[in-house]
Protein backbone atom coordinates (compact mmCIF):
# COMPACT_ATOMS: atom_id res chain seq x y z
CA MET A 1 -0.06 0.02 -0.01
CA GLY A 2 2.89 2.40 0.60
CA ARG A 3 3.67 2.51 -3.03
CA LEU A 4 0.42 4.04 -3.96
CA ILE A 5 1.89 7.57 -3.16
CA ASN A 6 -0.55 9.18 -5.59
CA LEU A 7 -3.58 7.66 -4.09
CA SER A 8 -6.21 10.09 -3.20
CA HIS A 9 -9.25 8.22 -2.20
CA LEU A 10 -9.65 4.87 -0.05
CA ASP A 11 -13.27 3.91 0.68
CA ILE A 12 -13.40 0.94 3.01
CA LYS A 13 -16.49 1.56 4.95
CA GLY A 14 -18.63 -1.73 5.26
CA THR A 15 -15.57 -4.11 5.07
CA LYS A 16 -14.50 -6.53 7.62
CA LEU A 17 -10.90 -4.99 8.16
CA ARG A 18 -9.39 -5.10 11.48
CA ASP A 19 -6.11 -3.52 10.71
CA MET A 20 -4.81 -1.01 8.32
CA PRO A 21 -2.40 -2.06 5.46
CA PRO A 22 1.22 -1.06 6.27
CA GLN A 23 2.86 2.09 5.76
CA MET A 24 -0.48 4.00 5.63
CA GLY A 25 1.46 7.06 6.58
CA LYS A 26 3.14 7.31 3.11
CA LEU A 27 -0.21 7.97 1.36
CA THR A 28 0.37 11.88 1.79
CA LYS A 29 -1.97 12.85 -1.13
CA LEU A 30 -4.91 10.81 0.42
CA GLN A 31 -7.87 13.10 0.48
CA LYS A 32 -10.77 10.74 1.37
CA LEU A 33 -10.24 8.01 3.91
CA THR A 34 -13.68 6.90 5.37
CA ASP A 35 -12.36 4.63 8.18
CA PHE A 36 -9.03 4.20 10.15
CA PHE A 37 -8.83 1.00 12.17
CA VAL A 38 -6.37 1.25 14.97
CA GLY A 39 -4.38 -1.61 15.82
CA LYS A 40 -1.24 -3.27 16.95
CA GLN A 41 -0.12 -4.15 13.45
CA SER A 42 2.31 -1.79 11.24
CA GLY A 43 0.11 0.62 9.47
CA SER A 44 -2.47 0.59 12.19
CA SER A 45 -0.76 2.85 14.63
CA ILE A 46 -2.87 6.14 15.14
CA LYS A 47 0.36 7.87 14.47
CA GLU A 48 0.16 7.03 10.93
CA LEU A 49 -2.46 9.79 10.40
CA ARG A 50 0.06 12.42 11.14
CA LYS A 51 1.34 12.98 7.74
CA LEU A 52 -2.18 12.53 5.82
CA GLU A 53 -2.68 16.42 5.84
CA GLU A 54 -4.85 16.40 2.98
CA LEU A 55 -7.63 14.32 4.56
CA ARG A 56 -11.23 16.11 4.09
CA GLY A 57 -14.67 15.50 4.33
CA GLU A 58 -15.56 12.53 6.77
CA LEU A 59 -13.26 10.38 8.82
CA CYS A 60 -14.06 7.48 11.13
CA ILE A 61 -11.32 6.48 13.55
CA ARG A 62 -12.41 2.98 15.11
CA ASN A 63 -11.04 0.67 17.84
CA LEU A 64 -9.49 3.54 19.65
CA GLN A 65 -9.23 1.18 22.98
CA GLU A 66 -5.92 -0.04 20.93
CA VAL A 67 -4.40 3.19 21.70
CA GLU A 68 -2.00 2.68 24.62
CA GLU A 69 -0.29 6.06 24.77
CA ALA A 70 -2.14 9.41 24.58
CA ARG A 71 0.88 11.13 23.06
CA ASP A 72 0.39 8.65 19.85
CA ALA A 73 -3.31 10.24 19.66
CA GLN A 74 -1.64 13.76 19.87
CA GLU A 75 0.48 12.86 16.92
CA ALA A 76 -2.51 12.19 14.64
CA ASN A 77 -2.64 15.95 14.80
CA LEU A 78 -6.39 16.13 14.22
CA LYS A 79 -6.24 19.87 15.12
CA GLY A 80 -4.21 20.61 11.99
CA LYS A 81 -6.64 18.60 9.65
CA GLU A 82 -8.87 21.59 9.06
CA LYS A 83 -10.52 20.09 5.73
CA ILE A 84 -12.21 17.41 7.80
CA LYS A 85 -15.76 18.30 8.46
CA LYS A 86 -17.25 15.24 9.94
CA LEU A 87 -15.57 13.02 12.65
CA GLU A 88 -16.52 9.90 14.44
CA LEU A 89 -14.28 8.54 17.14
CA THR A 90 -15.17 5.02 18.33
CA TRP A 91 -14.08 2.67 20.94
CA GLN A 92 -15.20 -1.02 21.33
CA ARG A 93 -16.77 -1.08 24.62
CA TYR A 94 -15.89 -3.39 27.28
CA ALA A 95 -12.57 -4.04 25.44
CA SER A 96 -10.74 -1.61 27.89
CA THR A 97 -10.92 -0.99 31.44
CA ASP A 98 -8.44 1.96 31.70
CA SER A 99 -10.92 4.96 31.80
CA GLU A 100 -8.21 7.40 32.65
CA ASN A 101 -6.23 6.55 29.53
CA GLU A 102 -9.25 6.78 27.31
CA ARG A 103 -10.01 10.26 28.58
CA LEU A 104 -6.31 11.42 27.93
CA VAL A 105 -6.65 9.77 24.53
CA LEU A 106 -10.00 11.71 23.80
CA GLU A 107 -8.28 14.91 25.09
CA SER A 108 -5.40 14.38 22.64
CA LEU A 109 -7.84 13.83 19.61
CA GLN A 110 -9.14 17.36 19.93
CA PRO A 111 -10.00 18.46 16.31
CA HIS A 112 -9.88 21.89 15.01
CA THR A 113 -12.67 24.17 15.77
CA GLY A 114 -14.06 24.36 12.22
CA LEU A 115 -15.52 20.83 12.82
CA GLU A 116 -19.27 20.69 11.93
CA HIS A 117 -20.23 17.15 12.67
CA LEU A 118 -19.01 14.94 15.66
CA SER A 119 -19.86 11.53 16.86
CA ILE A 120 -18.12 9.74 19.90
CA HIS A 121 -19.09 6.04 20.45
CA GLY A 122 -18.15 3.92 23.17
CA TYR A 123 -15.92 6.20 25.06
CA GLY A 124 -15.13 4.71 28.50
CA GLY A 125 -13.76 7.91 30.44
CA ALA A 126 -15.32 9.08 33.66
CA SER A 127 -15.75 12.41 32.23
CA PHE A 128 -15.26 14.48 28.92
CA PRO A 129 -12.38 16.73 28.24
CA ILE A 130 -12.84 20.37 28.20
CA TRP A 131 -12.68 20.51 24.23
CA VAL A 132 -16.12 18.61 24.01
CA GLY A 133 -18.85 21.20 24.36
CA HIS A 134 -16.29 24.30 24.21
CA SER A 135 -17.76 27.33 22.65
CA SER A 136 -14.82 27.87 20.46
CA PHE A 137 -16.50 25.01 18.22
CA SER A 138 -18.76 27.54 16.91
CA ARG A 139 -19.51 25.83 13.59
CA MET A 140 -20.60 22.54 14.97
CA LEU A 141 -23.95 21.50 13.58
CA SER A 142 -24.52 18.16 14.92
CA LEU A 143 -23.27 15.87 17.80
CA ASN A 144 -23.82 12.37 18.74
CA LEU A 145 -22.70 10.64 21.97
CA ASN A 146 -23.48 7.26 22.38
CA GLU A 147 -22.58 4.35 24.88
CA CYS A 148 -20.61 6.21 27.52
CA PRO A 149 -20.30 5.38 31.21
CA CYS A 150 -20.01 8.93 32.31
CA SER A 151 -22.14 10.23 35.23
CA PHE A 152 -22.76 13.69 33.98
CA LEU A 153 -23.23 15.12 30.37
CA PRO A 154 -20.42 17.50 28.96
CA PRO A 155 -21.55 21.18 28.90
CA LEU A 156 -22.98 21.60 25.29
CA GLY A 157 -25.41 24.63 25.50
CA GLN A 158 -22.84 27.01 24.33
CA LEU A 159 -22.21 25.51 21.10
CA ASP A 160 -23.80 28.42 18.93
CA SER A 161 -24.39 26.62 15.78
CA LEU A 162 -25.58 23.19 17.08
CA GLU A 163 -28.93 22.01 15.39
CA TYR A 164 -28.93 18.27 15.99
CA LEU A 165 -28.02 16.54 19.30
CA THR A 166 -28.42 12.95 20.08
CA ILE A 167 -27.55 11.49 23.67
CA GLU A 168 -27.92 7.62 23.79
CA ASP A 169 -27.12 4.86 26.37
CA PHE A 170 -25.54 6.93 29.28
CA ASP A 171 -26.65 4.43 31.65
CA ARG A 172 -24.94 6.07 34.63
CA VAL A 173 -26.51 9.71 34.24
CA GLU A 174 -29.23 10.26 36.94
CA VAL A 175 -29.67 13.98 36.73
CA ILE A 176 -29.45 16.60 33.88
CA GLY A 177 -28.88 19.80 35.47
CA PRO A 178 -27.02 23.28 34.91
CA GLU A 179 -23.75 21.51 33.81
CA PHE A 180 -25.62 20.43 30.60
CA TYR A 181 -26.23 24.10 29.68
CA GLY A 182 -22.85 25.47 30.31
CA SER A 183 -24.08 28.69 31.89
CA CYS A 184 -27.51 29.50 32.54
CA THR A 185 -26.37 32.89 33.67
CA SER A 186 -24.81 33.96 30.29
CA MET A 187 -26.35 36.60 27.82
CA LYS A 188 -26.54 33.68 25.28
CA LYS A 189 -29.57 31.20 25.68
CA PRO A 190 -28.41 27.80 25.96
CA PHE A 191 -28.87 25.68 22.84
CA ARG A 192 -29.95 28.78 20.98
CA SER A 193 -29.79 26.99 17.40
CA LEU A 194 -30.82 23.55 18.59
CA LYS A 195 -33.76 22.07 16.43
CA VAL A 196 -33.58 18.31 17.21
CA LEU A 197 -32.97 16.98 20.64
CA LYS A 198 -32.94 13.12 21.12
CA PHE A 199 -32.57 11.19 24.66
CA LYS A 200 -32.45 7.41 24.13
CA TYR A 201 -32.07 4.71 26.69
CA MET A 202 -30.95 6.49 29.80
CA SER A 203 -31.85 3.70 32.27
CA ARG A 204 -30.94 5.71 35.61
CA TRP A 205 -32.01 9.16 34.45
CA SER A 206 -34.56 10.25 36.87
CA GLU A 207 -34.36 14.17 36.95
CA TRP A 208 -34.15 16.76 34.27
CA ILE A 209 -33.58 20.38 35.31
CA SER A 210 -33.84 22.75 32.64
CA CYS A 211 -32.56 26.40 32.25
CA GLU A 212 -35.04 29.31 31.39
CA GLY A 213 -34.89 30.36 27.88
CA ALA A 214 -33.07 27.28 26.64
CA PHE A 215 -34.03 25.63 23.29
CA PRO A 216 -35.62 28.78 21.64
CA LEU A 217 -35.66 27.19 18.23
CA LEU A 218 -36.36 23.44 19.46
CA GLU A 219 -38.60 21.81 16.81
CA GLU A 220 -38.49 18.14 18.05
CA LEU A 221 -37.86 16.63 21.60
CA HIS A 222 -37.53 12.93 21.52
CA VAL A 223 -37.27 11.01 24.91
CA GLU A 224 -37.23 7.15 24.66
CA GLY A 225 -36.32 4.34 27.01
CA SER A 226 -35.97 6.38 30.12
CA ALA A 227 -38.32 4.51 32.46
CA ASN A 228 -37.08 6.06 35.52
CA LEU A 229 -37.43 9.75 34.61
CA GLN A 230 -39.81 11.36 36.90
CA LYS A 231 -39.15 14.94 37.75
CA VAL A 232 -38.87 17.10 34.52
CA THR A 233 -39.01 20.76 34.39
CA LEU A 234 -38.73 22.12 30.91
CA PRO A 235 -38.57 25.81 29.90
CA SER A 236 -42.26 27.42 30.14
CA HIS A 237 -41.95 28.77 26.57
CA LEU A 238 -40.80 26.58 23.71
CA PRO A 239 -42.33 28.64 20.75
CA SER A 240 -40.84 26.37 18.13
CA LEU A 241 -41.61 23.09 19.23
CA LYS A 242 -43.46 20.91 16.71
CA ILE A 243 -43.04 17.30 17.70
CA LEU A 244 -42.93 15.85 21.34
CA ASP A 245 -42.03 12.11 20.96
CA VAL A 246 -41.93 10.01 24.08
CA GLY A 247 -41.80 6.28 24.18
CA GLU A 248 -40.96 3.74 27.02
CA CYS A 249 -40.96 6.46 29.52
CA LYS A 250 -44.38 5.73 31.53
CA GLN A 251 -43.88 8.43 34.05
CA PHE A 252 -42.61 11.19 31.74
CA ALA A 253 -45.90 12.95 30.41
CA SER A 254 -47.34 12.91 34.10
CA ALA A 255 -44.10 14.31 35.45
CA LEU A 256 -43.89 17.66 33.31
CA ASN A 257 -44.36 20.58 35.57
CA LYS A 258 -44.20 22.93 32.82
CA ALA A 259 -44.59 21.73 29.24
CA PRO A 260 -44.41 23.57 26.10
CA ALA A 261 -47.00 24.14 23.10
CA ILE A 262 -47.60 20.33 23.06
CA LEU A 263 -48.90 19.64 26.42
CA LYS A 264 -50.24 21.72 29.30
CA SER A 265 -50.19 20.71 32.87
CA GLY A 266 -51.30 17.06 32.90
CA SER A 267 -51.64 14.31 30.37
CA SER A 268 -55.43 14.29 29.72
CA ILE A 269 -56.38 13.80 26.20
CA LYS A 270 -58.60 16.80 26.43
CA GLU A 271 -55.64 19.12 26.79
CA LEU A 272 -55.16 18.88 22.97
CA ARG A 273 -58.59 20.79 22.56
CA LYS A 274 -56.52 24.11 22.91
CA LEU A 275 -53.74 23.35 21.00
CA GLU A 276 -55.16 24.74 17.63
CA GLU A 277 -52.09 25.50 15.93
CA LEU A 278 -50.73 21.88 15.91
CA ARG A 279 -49.42 21.04 12.29
CA GLY A 280 -47.58 18.44 10.38
CA GLU A 281 -47.45 15.21 12.51
CA LEU A 282 -49.06 14.23 15.67
CA CYS A 283 -48.59 10.76 17.65
CA ILE A 284 -51.11 10.29 20.50
CA ARG A 285 -49.82 7.40 22.62
CA ASN A 286 -51.30 5.28 25.50
CA LEU A 287 -54.87 5.58 24.45
CA GLN A 288 -55.73 2.78 26.75
CA GLU A 289 -55.70 5.47 29.62
CA VAL A 290 -58.76 7.22 27.95
CA GLU A 291 -61.68 6.15 30.10
CA GLU A 292 -64.23 8.25 28.56
CA ALA A 293 -64.93 8.43 24.87
CA ARG A 294 -66.23 12.11 25.41
CA ASP A 295 -62.76 13.05 26.55
CA ALA A 296 -61.35 11.76 23.29
CA GLN A 297 -64.08 13.77 21.40
CA GLU A 298 -62.82 16.87 23.41
CA ALA A 299 -59.53 16.79 21.74
CA ASN A 300 -61.26 17.73 18.53
CA LEU A 301 -59.11 16.36 15.84
CA LYS A 302 -61.96 17.25 13.44
CA GLY A 303 -60.86 20.83 13.92
CA LYS A 304 -57.04 20.51 13.60
CA GLU A 305 -56.90 20.75 9.99
CA LYS A 306 -53.15 21.59 9.71
CA ILE A 307 -52.21 18.07 10.69
CA LYS A 308 -51.52 15.89 7.88
CA LYS A 309 -50.14 12.70 9.58
CA LEU A 310 -51.62 11.04 12.47
CA GLU A 311 -50.67 8.18 14.59
CA LEU A 312 -53.09 6.70 17.24
CA THR A 313 -51.32 4.13 19.62
CA TRP A 314 -52.96 1.64 22.41
CA GLN A 315 -50.52 -0.23 24.60
CA ARG A 316 -51.34 -3.62 24.22
CA TYR A 317 -52.32 -5.83 27.36
CA ALA A 318 -52.93 -2.48 29.29
CA SER A 319 -56.66 -2.59 28.46
CA THR A 320 -59.16 -5.35 27.80
CA ASP A 321 -62.23 -2.91 27.27
CA SER A 322 -62.63 -3.36 23.43
CA GLU A 323 -65.87 -1.58 23.32
CA ASN A 324 -64.34 1.57 25.00
CA GLU A 325 -61.44 1.54 22.50
CA ARG A 326 -64.00 1.30 19.61
CA LEU A 327 -65.95 4.27 20.92
CA VAL A 328 -62.40 6.41 21.65
CA LEU A 329 -61.36 5.64 17.88
CA GLU A 330 -64.76 6.75 16.81
CA SER A 331 -64.56 10.06 18.65
CA LEU A 332 -60.99 10.68 17.32
CA GLN A 333 -61.98 11.00 13.88
CA PRO A 334 -59.73 13.46 12.16
CA HIS A 335 -60.69 16.15 9.80
CA THR A 336 -61.14 15.25 6.01
CA GLY A 337 -57.93 16.69 5.03
CA LEU A 338 -55.72 14.28 6.67
CA GLU A 339 -53.20 12.33 4.37
CA HIS A 340 -51.45 9.73 6.57
CA LEU A 341 -53.11 7.64 9.35
CA SER A 342 -51.29 4.94 11.45
CA ILE A 343 -53.29 2.98 14.05
CA HIS A 344 -51.10 0.78 16.52
CA GLY A 345 -52.46 -1.68 19.23
CA TYR A 346 -56.22 -1.26 18.62
CA GLY A 347 -57.81 -4.09 20.47
CA VAL A 348 -61.36 -4.47 18.62
CA PRO A 349 -61.74 -7.69 16.55
CA VAL A 350 -63.13 -6.10 13.53
CA PHE A 351 -61.94 -2.74 11.94
CA GLN A 352 -64.30 -0.61 10.19
CA PHE A 353 -62.93 2.56 8.53
CA GLY A 354 -65.95 5.01 8.47
CA GLY A 355 -68.89 4.87 6.19
CA ASN A 356 -68.67 8.23 4.54
CA ALA A 357 -66.23 10.64 3.02
CA ALA A 358 -64.43 11.15 6.26
CA ALA A 359 -60.86 10.94 4.87
CA VAL A 360 -61.21 11.68 1.09
CA ARG A 361 -57.61 12.82 0.89
CA LEU A 362 -55.97 9.98 2.70
CA THR A 363 -53.00 8.61 0.92
CA CYS A 364 -51.48 6.32 3.27
CA LEU A 365 -53.26 4.13 5.89
CA GLU A 366 -51.19 1.85 8.21
CA ILE A 367 -52.39 -0.78 10.78
CA CYS A 368 -49.92 -2.49 13.05
CA TYR A 369 -49.97 -4.69 16.07
CA LEU A 370 -53.63 -5.35 16.41
CA PRO A 371 -53.88 -8.28 18.48
CA ASN A 372 -57.61 -9.28 18.30
CA LEU A 373 -58.13 -8.14 14.85
CA LYS A 374 -59.86 -11.01 12.54
CA SER A 375 -61.54 -8.77 9.78
CA LEU A 376 -60.56 -5.79 7.65
CA ASP A 377 -63.91 -5.21 6.23
CA PHE A 378 -63.42 -1.73 5.37
CA GLN A 379 -66.92 -0.75 4.83
CA GLY A 380 -65.86 2.93 3.95
CA LEU A 381 -62.95 1.88 1.88
CA ARG A 382 -64.37 2.81 -1.35
CA HIS A 383 -64.63 6.39 -0.09
CA LEU A 384 -60.86 6.54 0.19
CA THR A 385 -60.53 7.71 -3.38
CA SER A 386 -56.92 9.03 -2.65
CA LEU A 387 -55.45 5.98 -0.94
CA ARG A 388 -52.14 5.21 -2.50
CA GLU A 389 -50.49 3.04 0.20
CA LEU A 390 -51.99 0.35 2.50
CA LYS A 391 -49.70 -1.19 5.25
CA VAL A 392 -50.89 -4.20 7.54
CA ARG A 393 -48.35 -5.52 9.96
CA ASN A 394 -48.35 -7.93 12.88
CA CYS A 395 -51.96 -8.63 13.11
CA GLN A 396 -51.74 -12.38 14.22
CA LYS A 397 -55.37 -13.22 14.15
CA LEU A 398 -56.24 -11.38 11.02
CA MET A 399 -58.17 -13.59 8.56
CA PHE A 400 -59.86 -11.63 6.19
CA MET A 401 -59.22 -8.76 3.98
CA PRO A 402 -61.56 -7.54 1.32
CA GLU A 403 -61.29 -9.22 -2.48
CA CYS A 404 -61.78 -7.27 -5.32
CA MET A 405 -59.14 -4.75 -4.39
CA HIS A 406 -58.72 -3.57 -7.83
CA SER A 407 -62.26 -2.20 -7.93
CA ILE A 408 -62.28 -0.92 -4.22
CA VAL A 409 -59.00 0.80 -4.16
CA PRO A 410 -58.28 1.32 -7.81
CA SER A 411 -55.41 3.86 -7.25
CA LEU A 412 -53.51 1.85 -4.80
CA THR A 413 -49.76 1.93 -5.48
CA LYS A 414 -48.26 0.23 -2.56
CA LEU A 415 -49.36 -2.73 -0.60
CA THR A 416 -47.47 -4.25 2.22
CA VAL A 417 -48.78 -7.20 4.31
CA TYR A 418 -46.31 -8.62 7.12
CA ASN A 419 -46.78 -11.28 9.64
CA CYS A 420 -50.42 -12.04 9.40
CA PRO A 421 -50.05 -15.76 9.43
CA GLU A 422 -53.84 -16.73 9.60
CA LEU A 423 -54.95 -14.46 6.88
CA GLU A 424 -56.78 -16.16 3.94
CA SER A 425 -55.88 -15.44 0.49
CA PHE A 426 -57.67 -12.54 -0.88
CA LEU A 427 -56.26 -12.57 -4.25
CA GLU A 428 -58.78 -14.18 -6.34
CA GLY A 429 -60.65 -10.90 -6.88
CA GLY A 430 -57.51 -9.35 -8.23
CA LEU A 431 -55.11 -6.79 -7.10
CA PRO A 432 -55.07 -3.11 -8.38
CA PHE A 433 -53.57 -2.68 -11.76
CA THR A 434 -51.76 0.46 -10.47
CA LEU A 435 -49.54 -1.36 -8.09
CA GLU A 436 -45.89 -0.21 -8.01
CA SER A 437 -44.69 -2.05 -4.93
CA LEU A 438 -46.14 -5.27 -3.32
CA GLU A 439 -44.84 -7.04 -0.30
CA PHE A 440 -45.98 -10.26 1.57
CA ASN A 441 -43.92 -11.58 4.38
CA ASP A 442 -45.00 -14.29 7.01
CA CYS A 443 -48.43 -14.54 5.54
CA GLY A 444 -48.17 -18.14 4.60
CA LYS A 445 -51.50 -18.79 2.97
CA VAL A 446 -51.38 -15.72 0.86
CA VAL A 447 -47.72 -16.26 -0.34
CA ASP A 448 -48.62 -19.76 -1.19
CA HIS A 449 -51.66 -18.62 -3.36
CA LEU A 450 -49.29 -15.83 -4.82
CA MET A 451 -46.91 -18.46 -6.10
CA HIS A 452 -49.53 -19.61 -8.58
CA CYS A 453 -50.67 -16.23 -9.68
CA ASP A 454 -50.32 -14.42 -12.88
CA LEU A 455 -48.97 -10.87 -11.87
CA GLN A 456 -48.15 -9.80 -15.46
CA VAL A 457 -51.45 -7.90 -15.34
CA LEU A 458 -49.61 -5.61 -13.03
CA SER A 459 -47.78 -3.50 -15.54
CA SER A 460 -46.68 -0.71 -13.38
CA LEU A 461 -45.04 -3.07 -10.63
CA SER A 462 -41.41 -2.38 -9.87
CA HIS A 463 -40.75 -3.46 -6.55
CA LEU A 464 -41.88 -7.26 -5.41
CA LYS A 465 -40.93 -8.89 -1.75
CA ILE A 466 -42.13 -12.34 -1.13
CA GLY A 467 -41.08 -14.32 2.09
CA GLY A 468 -42.18 -16.04 5.05
CA CYS A 469 -43.79 -19.22 3.57
CA TYR A 470 -43.16 -22.50 5.21
CA ASP A 471 -44.82 -24.85 2.61
CA PRO A 472 -42.80 -27.58 1.86
CA ASP A 473 -44.02 -27.58 -1.63
CA VAL A 474 -42.50 -24.31 -2.42
CA GLU A 475 -39.19 -25.66 -3.68
CA SER A 476 -38.72 -23.21 -6.76
CA PHE A 477 -39.00 -19.68 -7.60
CA PRO A 478 -41.00 -18.19 -9.24
CA GLY A 479 -42.61 -21.46 -9.80
CA LYS A 480 -46.09 -20.93 -11.69
CA MET A 481 -45.97 -17.32 -10.79
CA LEU A 482 -45.81 -15.04 -13.75
CA LEU A 483 -43.79 -11.87 -13.20
CA PRO A 484 -44.01 -8.66 -14.93
CA SER A 485 -40.88 -7.55 -16.93
CA THR A 486 -41.28 -3.97 -15.12
CA VAL A 487 -39.86 -5.16 -11.86
CA THR A 488 -36.72 -3.43 -10.97
CA SER A 489 -36.13 -4.74 -7.42
CA LEU A 490 -36.83 -8.31 -6.02
CA ILE A 491 -36.56 -9.57 -2.59
CA ILE A 492 -36.88 -13.19 -1.70
CA CYS A 493 -36.78 -14.06 1.89
CA ASP A 494 -37.43 -16.77 4.51
CA LEU A 495 -38.25 -19.52 2.10
CA PRO A 496 -36.82 -22.43 3.90
CA TYR A 497 -37.84 -25.21 1.50
CA LEU A 498 -36.68 -23.15 -1.66
CA LYS A 499 -34.28 -25.33 -3.36
CA PHE A 500 -34.05 -23.79 -6.87
CA LEU A 501 -34.29 -20.42 -8.95
CA ASP A 502 -36.21 -21.01 -12.10
CA TYR A 503 -34.38 -19.17 -15.02
CA ARG A 504 -37.40 -19.59 -17.19
CA GLY A 505 -39.33 -17.45 -14.78
CA LEU A 506 -36.59 -14.93 -14.28
CA GLN A 507 -35.50 -14.49 -17.91
CA HIS A 508 -38.38 -12.30 -18.48
CA LEU A 509 -37.17 -9.62 -15.89
CA THR A 510 -35.36 -7.49 -18.42
CA SER A 511 -35.59 -4.45 -16.13
CA LEU A 512 -34.32 -6.26 -12.99
CA GLU A 513 -31.52 -4.24 -11.20
CA LYS A 514 -31.56 -5.56 -7.62
CA LEU A 515 -31.87 -8.89 -6.37
CA TRP A 516 -31.75 -9.66 -2.43
CA ILE A 517 -31.91 -13.46 -1.19
CA HIS A 518 -32.04 -13.93 2.46
CA SER A 519 -32.67 -16.73 4.78
CA CYS A 520 -33.36 -19.63 2.11
CA TYR A 521 -31.39 -22.28 3.93
CA ASN A 522 -31.76 -24.98 1.06
CA LEU A 523 -31.40 -23.05 -1.90
CA GLN A 524 -28.59 -25.05 -3.37
CA SER A 525 -27.28 -23.11 -6.57
CA LEU A 526 -28.24 -20.22 -9.14
CA PRO A 527 -29.57 -21.23 -12.31
CA ASP A 528 -27.08 -22.77 -14.96
CA GLU A 529 -28.12 -20.10 -17.43
CA GLY A 530 -27.09 -17.44 -14.84
CA LEU A 531 -29.12 -14.28 -13.73
CA PRO A 532 -30.65 -11.56 -15.67
CA SER A 533 -28.00 -9.52 -17.44
CA SER A 534 -29.54 -6.25 -16.12
CA LEU A 535 -28.87 -6.82 -12.51
CA SER A 536 -26.34 -4.21 -10.84
CA THR A 537 -26.79 -5.46 -7.30
CA LEU A 538 -26.91 -8.94 -5.71
CA ASP A 539 -27.12 -9.30 -2.00
CA ILE A 540 -27.16 -13.04 -0.50
CA SER A 541 -27.20 -13.54 3.14
CA ASP A 542 -27.90 -16.58 5.36
CA CYS A 543 -27.80 -18.87 2.69
CA PRO A 544 -25.22 -21.23 3.73
CA LEU A 545 -25.41 -23.49 0.76
CA LEU A 546 -24.99 -20.68 -1.70
CA LYS A 547 -22.33 -18.83 0.01
CA GLN A 548 -19.18 -20.67 -0.77
CA ARG A 549 -20.57 -21.27 -4.50
CA CYS A 550 -21.10 -17.75 -5.21
CA GLU A 551 -17.71 -16.26 -3.62
CA PHE A 552 -14.88 -15.43 -5.75
CA GLY A 553 -13.62 -18.68 -7.25
CA GLY A 554 -16.75 -20.56 -6.36
CA GLU A 555 -18.76 -22.76 -8.64
CA ASP A 556 -21.47 -20.10 -9.31
CA TRP A 557 -18.97 -17.14 -9.49
CA PRO A 558 -19.05 -17.29 -13.32
CA LYS A 559 -22.59 -16.71 -13.23
CA ILE A 560 -22.49 -13.38 -11.21
CA SER A 561 -18.96 -12.15 -12.06
CA HIS A 562 -20.53 -9.43 -14.32
CA ILE A 563 -22.48 -7.93 -11.74
CA PRO A 564 -21.03 -4.53 -10.52
CA LYS A 565 -22.09 -4.97 -6.78
CA VAL A 566 -22.22 -8.34 -5.04
CA GLN A 567 -22.41 -8.93 -1.48
CA ILE A 568 -22.40 -12.43 0.23
CA MET A 569 -23.10 -12.07 4.15
CA ASP A 570 -22.92 -14.70 6.88
CA PRO A 571 -25.88 -14.84 9.20
CA GLU A 572 -25.55 -12.53 12.08
């Protein structure tokens, strides 16, 4: 590698490298280096970065637990590499127990102050060095801190340009307080440019003390997986907040002492009534807590005409009153201009979507995790004249969907049905001719019938995914199914009895560009005639009988060597 002295770009992202090639330091004209793997081999010392002064754009330094001396990290001279705009520093967690050395290493890896994006993963020091969050990094736009065992967060509030901040897996932080803001007495408002703030999986976090005037431009606040968070004091005025997304934090909503434009004091659904300026997206969670349907009606979703995307979520197994859930959903009828509706966890056995033109502009309907649902009889489906996308996922008891969908929803372009093992085939009446994307997975009876269908009538179909069929008779693909020549991407997955790919059925796919074959354990080989010549991407994973045959030098390699991008992966 050291002889390639004129090399300017080296992209090794996604490879299985553990060490760098020898003499990396001689590639002094290198401008793009996606990853640098620190190791003990020649070429893998972090000091090799010292002479690579032309590096620019993005750089990820991995395996920093291998740096034994902080002075080696200092010799990398990240301060002098002013053309690097995005930097990722990664330690392998639990691979090192020397927290003081890790702190010194991170201190020595201080970059130039013009850095725009910084990610730190797996850092094991007890605290962060002063440069992390220092106000001199005035151009920093995004910061991601992940999986660090620190008890306190660094002072980040004085980063003037910071717009995106994610803090994840800090499992020792118990209180977020004044130290997080840098200074609450400063003339500058803390986090004055921040737009998106995410806290994820902070298992011990119990108290959040805010600073008045902070987050004046905050648009999105996401808090997830922080079950112990009880005491919360947010600024009394967050004028820009549009999305408050709280998940797996049972005590968060009721703990809000002062909440911004999304929630007033308390968490009754009636509090939505006064929030007349809500727009864009709204997710209402924990609907099993609504005891009276009239409270849901008072939320007045009909009057919130600026909301375009609505998600309604019940926490399953928390409620057994299906009649109350039916009345609550009925009372939450949105305005007629809604475009996207998602319903999760609803416990009623039959789902009936209105009987009038309640949502004539609805383009996407998503139904997920309805544990008691047996029938989608869609009395009002014919009125959804704008519906383009229908997703049905994880409805274990679902048995019936409407037949003759081509006449009921004639403009549908995307149909996705996942994990509905009891679903009877509804294909006899025909699918909408306008379909562009069709996905069936873990719907054995439907997939079994699909394998005998003529899909060539779907002249607009470009994406097809078929998987999760455990019928021993499905040994060949596409079998008797006739595929349209318009298909450009094809996914075949979780067909454990599949043994052969039938070239006669594939040869007509003259537009096929991408083919994924996943978890087909008995698939023995590729067709003798090869695969369609139009392929540009082939991805094979968890197919043990194919793996060696399709690798370089294998029996099937000549059949796929013409494909520009081939990826053969072991099961995870």
